[in-house]
Amino acid sequence: MSTPTQGFGTRAVHAGQMPDPTTGSIMTPVHFTSTFVQAAPGDHQGHEYARVSNPTRSDLEANLASLEGAEHGIAFASGVAGIDAILRRLRPGDHVVSTNDLYGGTYRLMRQIFEPYGIEFTFADLSTADDLDAAMTDATKLVWIETPTNPLLRVYDIEALAQAAQARGASVAVDNTFASPYLQQPLALGADMVLHSTTKYIGGHSDVVGGAVLTSNEEWAEHLRFQIKAVGAAPGPMDSFLLLRSTKTLHLRMERHCANARTVADFLRGHGKVGRALYPGFEDHPGHEIAARQMRDFGGMVSLVLEDDTVETAVRLMQNTKVFALAESLGGVESLVSHPASMTHGSIPAEVRHAAGLPDGLVRLSVGVEDVDDLVEDLDQALAAL
């Protein structure tokens, strides 16, 4: 049994989980059931129907809530299902301000699903609280923050932006996927909600898709649980179990991700065929001081633009790697390389990507936990072959 005063690693292993009282099993049972027997209508043991809740899922939600310092955890079938549930609280005429460098699936959901229903979105560089204030209107109900951003790795001051947004009556949601709960705790910095694609660092093994929203706001928690009940974007018990298995090693994996990414970023920065390497750990990174203040470390993501900044050269680089696998997603133990403009951000129009500063030739690396010398050697041979 964990307590809020215990360290992150202890809570990662134990929070939300007790040995099974019927068997003593130290691992959470996987409850494969669609319904639960009741002694009388409404007289049950905490669960009625598996779309609404499941004991395995409840343990996961309690575990993730503990890791983010939240009162409530609501697990979803995917990260975008969690974003969808948040946005469903908005009504026609409401306005949202979002960072302009963000996951393409978030942009697609906002623009193509919710905007046609009369909800307005502004995508802006939120480097300062003044930038946010200028983008807000009297109709702004939600401020959506990614930090570090995907894929330009910009870092935004969560505390300053939360104070500015809430002063004008808007709620603040932070997509914490790139950082994970181990590196960054947005609720402690004033955010109302934290969103994770648990597919990524929380899952960590590229074998499960999921999402979660963590909050201490009772009204938001009630809304999100209603969305699960009414809309049904619930994770299954096996997905929940796999994520619980994974959170037990989150702190260990993140330490290795960060250490490897630091070495890879330094290598890329010194290579003659690399025009720019983007990594918040660089002291001259525009967001370095903020990242050092609000994050435990600088993450496992590195982006780069080649000296020959063309899509063709970027594709050749990705096809030359042998340890880095060319694939979408991130945060797994294995290293991945991707091309955001044609993959994760392909749903964002080119002119919008360019306006946000995302070049077509940018390559994104999710640095895994392999031996770092092998990762550097792989990138070195891939660059040499260009």
Protein backbone atom coordinates (compact mmCIF):
# COMPACT_ATOMS: atom_id res chain seq x y z
CA MET A 1 0.00 0.00 0.00
CA SER A 2 1.43 3.38 -0.98
CA THR A 3 0.84 6.79 0.57
CA PRO A 4 1.09 10.27 -1.00
CA THR A 5 4.24 10.96 1.03
CA GLN A 6 6.17 8.04 -0.44
CA GLY A 7 8.60 8.44 -3.32
CA PHE A 8 7.64 8.16 -6.97
CA GLY A 9 9.18 4.71 -7.43
CA THR A 10 7.34 3.27 -4.45
CA ARG A 11 4.04 4.67 -5.67
CA ALA A 12 4.73 3.47 -9.22
CA VAL A 13 5.05 -0.09 -7.92
CA HIS A 14 2.29 -0.07 -5.29
CA ALA A 15 -0.26 2.77 -5.70
CA GLY A 16 -3.81 1.61 -6.28
CA GLN A 17 -2.90 -2.05 -5.84
CA MET A 18 -3.24 -4.47 -2.96
CA PRO A 19 -2.55 -8.20 -3.03
CA ASP A 20 -5.67 -10.03 -4.19
CA PRO A 21 -7.64 -10.82 -0.98
CA THR A 22 -8.94 -14.15 -2.32
CA THR A 23 -5.64 -15.65 -3.50
CA GLY A 24 -2.83 -13.44 -2.23
CA SER A 25 -1.73 -12.73 -5.82
CA ILE A 26 0.67 -9.79 -5.74
CA MET A 27 -0.29 -8.83 -9.29
CA THR A 28 -3.64 -7.21 -9.99
CA PRO A 29 -6.15 -9.77 -11.35
CA VAL A 30 -7.42 -9.24 -14.88
CA HIS A 31 -11.20 -9.12 -14.56
CA PHE A 32 -12.55 -10.44 -17.85
CA THR A 33 -16.24 -9.77 -17.33
CA SER A 34 -18.87 -7.61 -18.97
CA THR A 35 -21.20 -7.42 -15.97
CA PHE A 36 -21.30 -7.90 -12.19
CA VAL A 37 -23.81 -9.81 -10.07
CA GLN A 38 -25.93 -7.69 -7.72
CA ALA A 39 -27.63 -8.83 -4.52
CA ALA A 40 -30.54 -6.52 -5.38
CA PRO A 41 -30.96 -3.70 -7.91
CA GLY A 42 -28.28 -1.15 -7.02
CA ASP A 43 -26.84 -3.38 -4.28
CA HIS A 44 -23.42 -4.32 -5.68
CA GLN A 45 -19.75 -4.41 -4.72
CA GLY A 46 -18.75 -1.22 -6.52
CA HIS A 47 -19.17 -2.28 -10.13
CA GLU A 48 -22.28 -2.81 -12.24
CA TYR A 49 -21.27 -2.91 -15.91
CA ALA A 50 -17.80 -3.04 -17.44
CA ARG A 51 -18.24 -0.08 -19.77
CA VAL A 52 -18.68 2.11 -16.69
CA SER A 53 -16.01 0.51 -14.50
CA ASN A 54 -13.89 -2.58 -14.05
CA PRO A 55 -11.75 -3.50 -11.01
CA THR A 56 -8.55 -3.79 -13.06
CA ARG A 57 -9.20 -0.42 -14.65
CA SER A 58 -9.98 1.14 -11.27
CA ASP A 59 -6.59 0.01 -9.95
CA LEU A 60 -4.89 1.59 -12.98
CA GLU A 61 -6.78 4.84 -12.49
CA ALA A 62 -5.78 4.99 -8.83
CA ASN A 63 -2.16 4.29 -9.73
CA LEU A 64 -1.97 7.00 -12.40
CA ALA A 65 -3.76 9.50 -10.16
CA SER A 66 -1.15 8.92 -7.48
CA LEU A 67 1.71 9.41 -9.94
CA GLU A 68 0.26 12.76 -11.10
CA GLY A 69 -0.77 13.90 -7.62
CA ALA A 70 -4.45 13.88 -8.61
CA GLU A 71 -7.65 13.05 -6.74
CA HIS A 72 -9.21 11.39 -9.77
CA GLY A 73 -7.99 9.21 -12.61
CA ILE A 74 -10.11 8.36 -15.65
CA ALA A 75 -8.69 5.86 -18.12
CA PHE A 76 -9.66 5.81 -21.79
CA ALA A 77 -9.23 3.50 -24.76
CA SER A 78 -6.71 5.91 -26.32
CA GLY A 79 -5.16 9.30 -25.79
CA VAL A 80 -7.38 10.95 -28.38
CA ALA A 81 -10.43 9.44 -26.64
CA GLY A 82 -9.35 11.34 -23.53
CA ILE A 83 -8.95 14.56 -25.54
CA ASP A 84 -12.37 13.97 -27.11
CA ALA A 85 -13.94 13.56 -23.66
CA ILE A 86 -12.45 16.85 -22.48
CA LEU A 87 -13.62 18.75 -25.56
CA ARG A 88 -17.15 17.34 -25.25
CA ARG A 89 -17.77 19.67 -22.34
CA LEU A 90 -17.62 22.63 -24.75
CA ARG A 91 -20.64 24.10 -26.47
CA PRO A 92 -21.19 26.06 -29.72
CA GLY A 93 -19.65 29.51 -29.39
CA ASP A 94 -17.00 28.39 -26.90
CA HIS A 95 -13.38 29.14 -27.72
CA VAL A 96 -10.19 27.15 -27.14
CA VAL A 97 -6.60 28.41 -27.23
CA SER A 98 -4.00 25.77 -28.00
CA THR A 99 -0.27 25.69 -28.54
CA ASN A 100 0.44 25.79 -32.28
CA ASP A 101 3.03 23.01 -32.19
CA LEU A 102 1.12 19.91 -31.18
CA TYR A 103 0.29 16.33 -32.07
CA GLY A 104 -1.43 16.10 -35.45
CA GLY A 105 -4.22 13.93 -34.05
CA THR A 106 -5.13 16.64 -31.56
CA TYR A 107 -5.23 19.25 -34.31
CA ARG A 108 -7.36 16.95 -36.49
CA LEU A 109 -9.83 16.31 -33.67
CA MET A 110 -10.18 20.00 -32.92
CA ARG A 111 -10.44 21.22 -36.50
CA GLN A 112 -12.32 18.42 -38.24
CA ILE A 113 -14.56 17.05 -35.50
CA PHE A 114 -15.35 19.89 -33.08
CA GLU A 115 -14.96 23.04 -35.17
CA PRO A 116 -17.90 22.10 -37.45
CA TYR A 117 -20.10 22.11 -34.34
CA GLY A 118 -19.40 25.79 -33.74
CA ILE A 119 -16.48 25.57 -31.33
CA GLU A 120 -13.68 27.97 -32.20
CA PHE A 121 -9.95 27.22 -31.93
CA THR A 122 -6.92 29.49 -31.94
CA PHE A 123 -3.47 27.94 -32.29
CA ALA A 124 -0.73 30.22 -30.99
CA ASP A 125 2.82 30.39 -29.75
CA LEU A 126 2.32 30.56 -25.99
CA SER A 127 5.89 31.42 -25.02
CA THR A 128 4.64 34.00 -22.49
CA ALA A 129 1.51 34.68 -20.48
CA ASP A 130 1.05 37.84 -22.56
CA ASP A 131 0.93 35.69 -25.71
CA LEU A 132 -1.85 33.64 -24.15
CA ASP A 133 -3.74 36.71 -22.97
CA ALA A 134 -3.66 38.15 -26.50
CA ALA A 135 -5.05 34.91 -27.95
CA MET A 136 -7.91 34.59 -25.45
CA THR A 137 -11.39 36.06 -25.85
CA ASP A 138 -14.36 36.42 -23.53
CA ALA A 139 -15.54 33.06 -24.93
CA THR A 140 -12.35 31.15 -24.09
CA LYS A 141 -13.26 28.17 -21.94
CA LEU A 142 -10.18 25.97 -22.33
CA VAL A 143 -6.45 26.42 -22.81
CA TRP A 144 -4.67 23.37 -24.25
CA ILE A 145 -0.93 23.12 -23.59
CA GLU A 146 1.60 20.64 -24.93
CA THR A 147 5.00 20.83 -23.29
CA PRO A 148 7.45 19.68 -24.45
CA THR A 149 5.71 20.02 -27.78
CA ASN A 150 5.47 17.49 -30.56
CA PRO A 151 7.76 17.55 -32.54
CA LEU A 152 9.64 20.85 -32.08
CA LEU A 153 10.26 20.24 -28.37
CA ARG A 154 9.27 23.73 -27.32
CA VAL A 155 8.81 24.19 -23.58
CA TYR A 156 6.06 26.33 -22.08
CA ASP A 157 5.75 27.71 -18.56
CA ILE A 158 2.79 25.77 -17.19
CA GLU A 159 2.48 27.78 -13.97
CA ALA A 160 2.48 31.17 -15.71
CA LEU A 161 0.03 30.06 -18.41
CA ALA A 162 -2.29 28.41 -15.89
CA GLN A 163 -2.45 31.56 -13.79
CA ALA A 164 -3.16 33.72 -16.85
CA ALA A 165 -5.87 31.38 -18.17
CA GLN A 166 -7.64 30.84 -14.87
CA ALA A 167 -7.63 34.57 -14.14
CA ARG A 168 -9.95 34.88 -17.14
CA GLY A 169 -12.12 31.91 -16.23
CA ALA A 170 -10.65 29.26 -18.53
CA SER A 171 -9.69 25.72 -17.57
CA VAL A 172 -6.21 24.44 -18.37
CA ALA A 173 -5.36 21.01 -19.75
CA VAL A 174 -1.77 19.87 -20.25
CA ASP A 175 -0.79 17.04 -22.57
CA ASN A 176 2.01 15.52 -20.49
CA THR A 177 2.70 12.60 -22.83
CA PHE A 178 6.23 13.65 -23.86
CA ALA A 179 7.34 14.17 -20.26
CA SER A 180 5.48 11.40 -18.38
CA PRO A 181 4.43 11.81 -14.74
CA TYR A 182 7.98 11.02 -13.67
CA LEU A 183 9.47 14.11 -15.32
CA GLN A 184 6.68 16.66 -14.92
CA GLN A 185 3.61 17.21 -12.70
CA PRO A 186 1.34 19.84 -14.29
CA LEU A 187 -1.30 19.72 -11.54
CA ALA A 188 1.27 20.85 -9.01
CA LEU A 189 1.99 23.79 -11.33
CA GLY A 190 -1.65 24.85 -11.44
CA ALA A 191 -3.19 22.95 -14.36
CA ASP A 192 -6.75 21.65 -14.02
CA MET A 193 -6.20 18.45 -15.98
CA VAL A 194 -3.39 16.28 -17.29
CA LEU A 195 -3.78 14.16 -20.42
CA HIS A 196 -1.64 11.17 -21.32
CA SER A 197 -1.49 8.91 -24.27
CA THR A 198 -0.63 5.93 -22.06
CA THR A 199 0.40 4.18 -25.26
CA LYS A 200 3.68 6.06 -24.98
CA TYR A 201 6.01 6.29 -21.95
CA ILE A 202 3.48 5.00 -19.42
CA GLY A 203 2.92 1.84 -21.47
CA GLY A 204 6.52 1.86 -22.61
CA HIS A 205 6.58 -1.46 -24.48
CA SER A 206 4.69 -0.70 -27.72
CA ASP A 207 2.09 -3.37 -26.94
CA VAL A 208 -0.96 -1.43 -25.76
CA VAL A 209 -3.03 1.61 -26.79
CA GLY A 210 -4.60 3.74 -24.08
CA GLY A 211 -5.18 7.16 -22.59
CA ALA A 212 -5.88 8.81 -19.25
CA VAL A 213 -6.99 12.13 -17.81
CA LEU A 214 -5.96 13.00 -14.25
CA THR A 215 -7.56 15.82 -12.26
CA SER A 216 -8.42 17.04 -8.78
CA ASN A 217 -11.33 19.12 -10.08
CA GLU A 218 -14.60 17.44 -9.06
CA GLU A 219 -16.65 18.96 -11.89
CA TRP A 220 -14.18 17.84 -14.57
CA ALA A 221 -13.94 14.37 -13.02
CA GLU A 222 -17.73 14.01 -13.03
CA HIS A 223 -17.89 15.13 -16.67
CA LEU A 224 -15.16 12.71 -17.74
CA ARG A 225 -16.70 9.73 -15.96
CA PHE A 226 -20.04 10.55 -17.55
CA GLN A 227 -18.34 10.52 -20.96
CA ILE A 228 -17.02 7.02 -20.30
CA LYS A 229 -20.50 5.87 -19.31
CA ALA A 230 -22.35 7.61 -22.12
CA VAL A 231 -19.89 7.33 -25.00
CA GLY A 232 -18.04 4.16 -24.05
CA ALA A 233 -14.40 4.87 -24.94
CA ALA A 234 -13.24 2.58 -22.15
CA PRO A 235 -10.06 0.50 -22.05
CA GLY A 236 -10.37 -3.24 -21.66
CA PRO A 237 -9.12 -5.12 -18.58
CA MET A 238 -6.08 -6.60 -20.35
CA ASP A 239 -5.01 -3.15 -21.57
CA SER A 240 -5.38 -1.86 -18.01
CA PHE A 241 -3.30 -4.73 -16.66
CA LEU A 242 -0.52 -4.16 -19.18
CA LEU A 243 -0.37 -0.49 -18.24
CA LEU A 244 -0.23 -1.35 -14.52
CA ARG A 245 2.61 -3.75 -15.24
CA SER A 246 4.40 -0.92 -17.07
CA THR A 247 4.05 1.85 -14.50
CA LYS A 248 6.09 -0.29 -12.08
CA THR A 249 9.21 0.43 -14.13
CA LEU A 250 8.34 3.92 -15.41
CA HIS A 251 10.90 5.71 -13.23
CA LEU A 252 13.66 3.29 -14.23
CA ARG A 253 12.88 3.50 -17.93
CA MET A 254 12.63 7.30 -17.92
CA GLU A 255 16.05 7.64 -16.35
CA ARG A 256 17.57 5.56 -19.16
CA HIS A 257 15.54 7.33 -21.88
CA CYS A 258 16.79 10.69 -20.63
CA ALA A 259 20.42 9.62 -20.29
CA ASN A 260 20.44 8.11 -23.78
CA ALA A 261 18.70 11.10 -25.35
CA ARG A 262 21.28 13.46 -23.84
CA THR A 263 24.13 11.50 -25.44
CA VAL A 264 22.34 11.19 -28.79
CA ALA A 265 21.52 14.91 -28.86
CA ASP A 266 25.13 15.86 -28.13
CA PHE A 267 26.32 13.56 -30.93
CA LEU A 268 23.88 14.99 -33.46
CA ARG A 269 24.72 18.55 -32.56
CA GLY A 270 28.36 17.96 -33.36
CA HIS A 271 27.79 16.16 -36.66
CA GLY A 272 28.57 18.00 -39.89
CA LYS A 273 25.54 16.64 -41.74
CA VAL A 274 23.08 17.84 -39.09
CA GLY A 275 21.90 21.40 -39.46
CA ARG A 276 19.97 21.62 -36.17
CA ALA A 277 19.39 19.32 -33.25
CA LEU A 278 16.41 20.16 -31.03
CA TYR A 279 16.59 19.07 -27.39
CA PRO A 280 15.46 20.94 -24.24
CA GLY A 281 18.59 19.83 -22.41
CA PHE A 282 20.79 22.15 -24.45
CA GLU A 283 21.59 25.22 -22.36
CA ASP A 284 20.89 27.50 -25.33
CA HIS A 285 17.49 25.91 -26.02
CA PRO A 286 14.90 28.74 -25.67
CA GLY A 287 12.95 26.75 -23.10
CA HIS A 288 15.88 25.25 -21.22
CA GLU A 289 15.50 27.33 -18.05
CA ILE A 290 11.78 26.61 -17.85
CA ALA A 291 12.36 22.90 -18.45
CA ALA A 292 15.04 22.83 -15.75
CA ARG A 293 12.59 24.44 -13.34
CA GLN A 294 9.45 22.38 -14.04
CA MET A 295 10.88 19.04 -15.18
CA ARG A 296 13.01 16.45 -13.39
CA ASP A 297 15.03 15.84 -16.58
CA PHE A 298 14.78 16.76 -20.25
CA GLY A 299 13.05 13.73 -21.74
CA GLY A 300 13.78 11.04 -24.28
CA MET A 301 12.79 12.88 -27.46
CA VAL A 302 15.23 14.52 -29.90
CA SER A 303 14.39 16.16 -33.23
CA LEU A 304 16.80 17.13 -35.98
CA VAL A 305 16.95 18.92 -39.29
CA LEU A 306 19.67 17.83 -41.69
CA GLU A 307 22.10 20.24 -43.29
CA ASP A 308 20.56 19.14 -46.59
CA ASP A 309 17.05 20.03 -45.44
CA THR A 310 14.94 18.07 -47.90
CA VAL A 311 12.30 15.40 -47.45
CA GLU A 312 14.23 13.07 -49.74
CA THR A 313 17.37 13.24 -47.60
CA ALA A 314 15.37 12.82 -44.40
CA VAL A 315 13.71 9.70 -45.81
CA ARG A 316 17.08 8.26 -46.82
CA LEU A 317 18.39 8.82 -43.32
CA MET A 318 15.43 6.99 -41.79
CA GLN A 319 15.80 4.11 -44.24
CA ASN A 320 19.50 3.82 -43.39
CA THR A 321 19.04 3.20 -39.66
CA LYS A 322 19.26 -0.36 -38.37
CA VAL A 323 18.60 -0.02 -34.63
CA PHE A 324 16.21 2.92 -34.86
CA ALA A 325 13.00 1.51 -36.39
CA LEU A 326 11.02 3.67 -38.82
CA ALA A 327 7.59 3.78 -37.21
CA GLU A 328 4.99 6.07 -35.69
CA SER A 329 4.55 6.41 -31.92
CA LEU A 330 7.16 7.02 -29.22
CA GLY A 331 8.08 6.23 -25.64
CA GLY A 332 8.74 2.52 -26.05
CA VAL A 333 11.87 0.74 -24.90
CA GLU A 334 12.97 0.46 -28.53
CA SER A 335 14.26 3.50 -30.42
CA LEU A 336 12.06 4.86 -33.21
CA VAL A 337 12.62 7.35 -36.01
CA SER A 338 9.78 9.12 -37.81
CA HIS A 339 9.00 11.91 -40.26
CA PRO A 340 6.30 14.09 -38.65
CA ALA A 341 5.28 15.98 -41.83
CA SER A 342 4.15 12.76 -43.53
CA MET A 343 3.35 10.62 -40.51
CA THR A 344 2.20 11.91 -37.10
CA HIS A 345 1.48 15.44 -38.38
CA GLY A 346 0.27 14.62 -41.87
CA SER A 347 -3.26 15.75 -40.97
CA ILE A 348 -2.02 19.33 -40.44
CA PRO A 349 -1.95 21.34 -43.69
CA ALA A 350 1.56 22.17 -44.90
CA GLU A 351 1.03 25.92 -44.64
CA VAL A 352 -0.07 25.54 -41.01
CA ARG A 353 2.92 23.36 -40.19
CA HIS A 354 5.29 25.83 -41.81
CA ALA A 355 3.73 28.79 -40.00
CA ALA A 356 4.31 26.99 -36.69
CA GLY A 357 7.96 26.46 -37.62
CA LEU A 358 7.81 22.76 -38.54
CA PRO A 359 9.96 22.12 -41.63
CA ASP A 360 9.09 19.28 -43.99
CA GLY A 361 12.52 17.74 -43.53
CA LEU A 362 12.42 17.45 -39.74
CA VAL A 363 13.14 14.00 -38.31
CA ARG A 364 11.91 12.96 -34.85
CA LEU A 365 13.72 10.43 -32.68
CA SER A 366 12.21 8.54 -29.76
CA VAL A 367 15.37 7.43 -28.01
CA GLY A 368 14.94 4.04 -26.39
CA VAL A 369 16.75 2.21 -23.61
CA GLU A 370 19.25 0.24 -25.70
CA ASP A 371 23.01 0.60 -25.16
CA VAL A 372 23.65 4.20 -26.11
CA ASP A 373 26.89 3.40 -27.97
CA ASP A 374 24.86 1.27 -30.37
CA LEU A 375 22.38 4.10 -30.91
CA VAL A 376 25.12 6.60 -31.69
CA GLU A 377 26.87 4.14 -34.00
CA ASP A 378 23.59 3.51 -35.82
CA LEU A 379 22.98 7.20 -36.41
CA ASP A 380 26.62 7.72 -37.40
CA GLN A 381 26.48 5.05 -40.11
CA ALA A 382 23.08 6.27 -41.32
CA LEU A 383 24.39 9.82 -41.67
CA ALA A 384 27.61 8.65 -43.34
CA ALA A 385 25.56 6.82 -45.97
CA LEU A 386 23.78 10.00 -47.10
